[in-house]
């Protein structure tokens, strides 16, 4: 895992400068984000069917 200083530098390079409390919270979430990245498949193509379809109009009858 990256160090807190490296994490802070990456955020700053991306244009984000969170306060210390937010920075600590985001840094604590990194292991969970990395775990999610390993579980989510990467071989999806544009023409693949979506896993979920949401409609603002509600369910169809």
C-alpha atoms as a PDB file:
ATOM      1  CA  UNK A   1       0.000   0.000   0.000  1.00  0.00           C
ATOM      2  CA  UNK A   2       1.197   3.519  -0.688  1.00  0.00           C
ATOM      3  CA  UNK A   3       2.287   5.799   2.129  1.00  0.00           C
ATOM      4  CA  UNK A   4       0.114   8.623   3.412  1.00  0.00           C
ATOM      5  CA  UNK A   5       2.579  11.163   1.963  1.00  0.00           C
ATOM      6  CA  UNK A   6       2.425   9.550  -1.488  1.00  0.00           C
ATOM      7  CA  UNK A   7      -1.368   9.426  -1.305  1.00  0.00           C
ATOM      8  CA  UNK A   8      -1.523  13.098  -0.371  1.00  0.00           C
ATOM      9  CA  UNK A   9       0.862  13.991  -3.227  1.00  0.00           C
ATOM     10  CA  UNK A  10      -1.266  12.042  -5.747  1.00  0.00           C
ATOM     11  CA  UNK A  11      -4.403  13.827  -4.601  1.00  0.00           C
ATOM     12  CA  UNK A  12      -2.702  17.205  -4.835  1.00  0.00           C
ATOM     13  CA  UNK A  13      -1.418  16.399  -8.336  1.00  0.00           C
ATOM     14  CA  UNK A  14      -5.007  15.601  -9.341  1.00  0.00           C
ATOM     15  CA  UNK A  15      -6.195  18.961  -7.993  1.00  0.00           C
ATOM     16  CA  UNK A  16      -7.637  17.797  -4.671  1.00  0.00           C
ATOM     17  CA  UNK A  17      -6.590  19.223  -1.320  1.00  0.00           C
ATOM     18  CA  UNK A  18      -8.823  17.655   1.359  1.00  0.00           C
ATOM     19  CA  UNK A  19      -8.563  18.600   5.028  1.00  0.00           C
ATOM     20  CA  UNK A  20      -6.685  16.236   7.370  1.00  0.00           C
ATOM     21  CA  UNK A  21      -9.805  14.424   8.623  1.00  0.00           C
ATOM     22  CA  UNK A  22     -11.043  13.736   5.086  1.00  0.00           C
ATOM     23  CA  UNK A  23      -7.570  12.680   3.995  1.00  0.00           C
ATOM     24  CA  UNK A  24      -7.328  10.140   6.827  1.00  0.00           C
ATOM     25  CA  UNK A  25     -10.788   8.773   6.008  1.00  0.00           C
ATOM     26  CA  UNK A  26      -9.967   8.363   2.308  1.00  0.00           C
ATOM     27  CA  UNK A  27      -6.614   6.759   3.115  1.00  0.00           C
ATOM     28  CA  UNK A  28      -8.334   4.278   5.447  1.00  0.00           C
ATOM     29  CA  UNK A  29     -10.692   3.309   2.590  1.00  0.00           C
ATOM     30  CA  UNK A  30      -7.857   2.431   0.175  1.00  0.00           C
ATOM     31  CA  UNK A  31      -7.626  -1.289   1.092  1.00  0.00           C
ATOM     32  CA  UNK A  32     -11.363  -1.692   0.449  1.00  0.00           C
ATOM     33  CA  UNK A  33     -11.090   0.115  -2.897  1.00  0.00           C
ATOM     34  CA  UNK A  34      -8.174  -2.097  -3.935  1.00  0.00           C
ATOM     35  CA  UNK A  35     -10.188  -5.190  -2.976  1.00  0.00           C
ATOM     36  CA  UNK A  36     -13.117  -3.999  -5.060  1.00  0.00           C
ATOM     37  CA  UNK A  37     -10.840  -3.379  -8.043  1.00  0.00           C
ATOM     38  CA  UNK A  38      -9.671  -6.991  -7.964  1.00  0.00           C
ATOM     39  CA  UNK A  39     -13.255  -8.323  -7.852  1.00  0.00           C
ATOM     40  CA  UNK A  40     -14.677  -6.197 -10.678  1.00  0.00           C
ATOM     41  CA  UNK A  41     -14.115  -7.708 -14.107  1.00  0.00           C
ATOM     42  CA  UNK A  42     -12.226  -5.699 -16.694  1.00  0.00           C
ATOM     43  CA  UNK A  43     -13.184  -7.502 -19.907  1.00  0.00           C
ATOM     44  CA  UNK A  44     -16.496  -5.742 -20.511  1.00  0.00           C
ATOM     45  CA  UNK A  45     -17.215  -4.363 -23.950  1.00  0.00           C
ATOM     46  CA  UNK A  46     -19.550  -1.630 -25.074  1.00  0.00           C
ATOM     47  CA  UNK A  47     -21.925  -4.077 -26.713  1.00  0.00           C
ATOM     48  CA  UNK A  48     -22.235  -6.322 -23.610  1.00  0.00           C
ATOM     49  CA  UNK A  49     -25.578  -6.374 -21.797  1.00  0.00           C
ATOM     50  CA  UNK A  50     -25.640  -4.220 -18.657  1.00  0.00           C
ATOM     51  CA  UNK A  51     -25.904  -5.907 -15.276  1.00  0.00           C
ATOM     52  CA  UNK A  52     -28.709  -3.555 -14.229  1.00  0.00           C
ATOM     53  CA  UNK A  53     -31.101  -1.276 -16.053  1.00  0.00           C
ATOM     54  CA  UNK A  54     -32.572   1.704 -14.239  1.00  0.00           C
ATOM     55  CA  UNK A  55     -35.580   3.620 -15.429  1.00  0.00           C
ATOM     56  CA  UNK A  56     -36.837   6.973 -14.201  1.00  0.00           C
ATOM     57  CA  UNK A  57     -40.303   5.975 -15.320  1.00  0.00           C
ATOM     58  CA  UNK A  58     -40.616   3.021 -12.948  1.00  0.00           C
ATOM     59  CA  UNK A  59     -41.113  -0.670 -13.733  1.00  0.00           C
ATOM     60  CA  UNK A  60     -42.737  -1.703 -16.989  1.00  0.00           C
ATOM     61  CA  UNK A  61     -46.019  -3.611 -16.919  1.00  0.00           C
END
